[in-house]
Amino acid sequence: MSEYIPEKWVVVKLKTKNTLTYKVFANWYGGYLNGDSWKLNSGIKAVSESEHYYLFEGFSGSIYKCFKNNYGMNMYGSGVIQDIIKKAEEFDGKIEIMPEDTKWLDLKYE
């Protein structure tokens, strides 16, 4: 099991004819030697909450520890997700970025 702690994050909803899946889209800022990076989890299986962060458990078993005050994307991540949204439309899928005030514990993930 891997744990990821993104510097910025959003949840995206992926819809196709037969499926509805929520995923964490995580962003990290690069440093002097590395560029910015991103990761899309395998799909949210469960969510728990603490005072400062959410723990999103993925279908692969990975955990994303997402701080509540860090909802959003860096510029690099924003460009990447827009490309992913366009590609999904080519295959009759729809991806939307969920609003920050979504009640993550109330959504049905499975």
Protein backbone atom coordinates (compact mmCIF):
# COMPACT_ATOMS: atom_id res chain seq x y z
CA MET A 1 0.00 0.00 0.00
CA SER A 2 1.32 3.43 -0.95
CA GLU A 3 0.49 6.74 0.68
CA TYR A 4 0.55 9.99 -1.25
CA ILE A 5 0.32 13.51 0.17
CA PRO A 6 -0.42 15.92 -2.66
CA GLU A 7 0.38 19.61 -2.43
CA LYS A 8 -2.81 20.39 -4.39
CA TRP A 9 -5.73 18.08 -5.18
CA VAL A 10 -9.21 17.87 -6.65
CA VAL A 11 -11.73 15.09 -7.07
CA VAL A 12 -12.99 14.37 -10.56
CA LYS A 13 -16.16 12.52 -11.53
CA LEU A 14 -15.84 10.22 -14.55
CA LYS A 15 -19.02 9.13 -16.30
CA THR A 16 -19.41 6.71 -19.17
CA LYS A 17 -22.51 4.90 -20.39
CA ASN A 18 -22.12 2.15 -17.78
CA THR A 19 -19.94 3.56 -15.00
CA LEU A 20 -19.58 6.39 -12.54
CA THR A 21 -16.24 6.73 -10.76
CA TYR A 22 -14.68 9.39 -8.55
CA LYS A 23 -10.90 9.83 -8.59
CA VAL A 24 -8.34 11.99 -6.82
CA PHE A 25 -6.29 14.15 -9.19
CA ALA A 26 -3.17 15.02 -7.19
CA ASN A 27 -0.58 17.71 -7.99
CA TRP A 28 2.92 18.36 -6.70
CA TYR A 29 5.17 21.35 -7.31
CA GLY A 30 8.58 20.65 -8.74
CA GLY A 31 11.83 21.99 -7.43
CA TYR A 32 15.08 23.11 -8.93
CA LEU A 33 15.84 19.73 -10.51
CA ASN A 34 12.34 18.33 -11.10
CA GLY A 35 9.24 19.67 -12.81
CA ASP A 36 5.70 19.71 -11.47
CA SER A 37 3.96 16.34 -11.41
CA TRP A 38 0.50 14.81 -11.15
CA LYS A 39 -1.16 11.49 -10.41
CA LEU A 40 -4.71 10.22 -10.93
CA ASN A 41 -5.68 7.53 -8.44
CA SER A 42 -7.32 4.22 -9.35
CA GLY A 43 -10.72 5.36 -8.12
CA ILE A 44 -12.04 6.23 -4.70
CA LYS A 45 -13.25 3.25 -2.68
CA ALA A 46 -13.74 4.93 0.71
CA VAL A 47 -13.17 8.24 2.50
CA SER A 48 -12.43 9.13 6.11
CA GLU A 49 -11.87 12.52 7.65
CA SER A 50 -9.83 14.21 10.35
CA GLU A 51 -9.79 17.85 11.41
CA HIS A 52 -7.27 18.88 8.76
CA TYR A 53 -7.39 16.30 5.97
CA TYR A 54 -9.32 13.60 4.13
CA LEU A 55 -8.00 10.09 3.56
CA PHE A 56 -9.11 8.76 0.19
CA GLU A 57 -8.64 5.00 -0.20
CA GLY A 58 -8.19 3.86 -3.79
CA PHE A 59 -9.24 0.61 -5.43
CA SER A 60 -5.55 -0.30 -5.67
CA GLY A 61 -5.16 0.07 -1.89
CA SER A 62 -3.26 3.36 -2.07
CA ILE A 63 -4.14 6.19 0.31
CA TYR A 64 -4.24 9.87 -0.61
CA LYS A 65 -3.88 12.14 2.41
CA CYS A 66 -5.42 15.38 1.14
CA PHE A 67 -5.29 18.50 3.29
CA LYS A 68 -8.60 20.37 3.31
CA ASN A 69 -7.00 23.77 2.69
CA ASN A 70 -5.16 22.53 -0.41
CA TYR A 71 -8.12 21.87 -2.73
CA GLY A 72 -7.27 23.07 -6.22
CA MET A 73 -4.59 22.63 -8.87
CA ASN A 74 -1.32 24.17 -9.86
CA MET A 75 -1.04 25.58 -13.40
CA TYR A 76 0.59 22.44 -14.73
CA GLY A 77 -2.13 20.20 -13.25
CA SER A 78 -4.85 22.45 -14.63
CA GLY A 79 -3.48 22.03 -18.14
CA VAL A 80 -3.17 18.27 -17.73
CA ILE A 81 -6.74 17.82 -16.48
CA GLN A 82 -8.12 19.93 -19.32
CA ASP A 83 -6.36 17.63 -21.80
CA ILE A 84 -7.80 14.57 -20.01
CA ILE A 85 -11.31 16.09 -20.12
CA LYS A 86 -11.01 16.67 -23.89
CA LYS A 87 -9.75 13.12 -24.50
CA ALA A 88 -12.65 11.65 -22.51
CA GLU A 89 -15.15 13.51 -24.69
CA GLU A 90 -13.63 11.85 -27.78
CA PHE A 91 -14.65 8.49 -26.28
CA ASP A 92 -18.16 9.57 -25.17
CA GLY A 93 -17.03 9.96 -21.57
CA LYS A 94 -17.49 12.96 -19.35
CA ILE A 95 -15.13 14.20 -16.66
CA GLU A 96 -15.96 17.04 -14.34
CA ILE A 97 -14.09 18.61 -11.45
CA MET A 98 -16.13 18.38 -8.27
CA PRO A 99 -16.77 21.58 -6.27
CA GLU A 100 -14.60 22.19 -3.22
CA ASP A 101 -17.64 22.22 -0.89
CA THR A 102 -18.70 18.67 -1.88
CA LYS A 103 -19.50 16.48 1.12
CA TRP A 104 -16.98 13.73 0.36
CA LEU A 105 -18.25 11.40 3.08
CA ASP A 106 -21.80 11.50 1.64
CA LEU A 107 -20.97 10.33 -1.89
CA LYS A 108 -21.47 6.69 -2.90
CA TYR A 109 -18.19 5.33 -4.21
CA GLU A 110 -19.01 1.68 -4.91
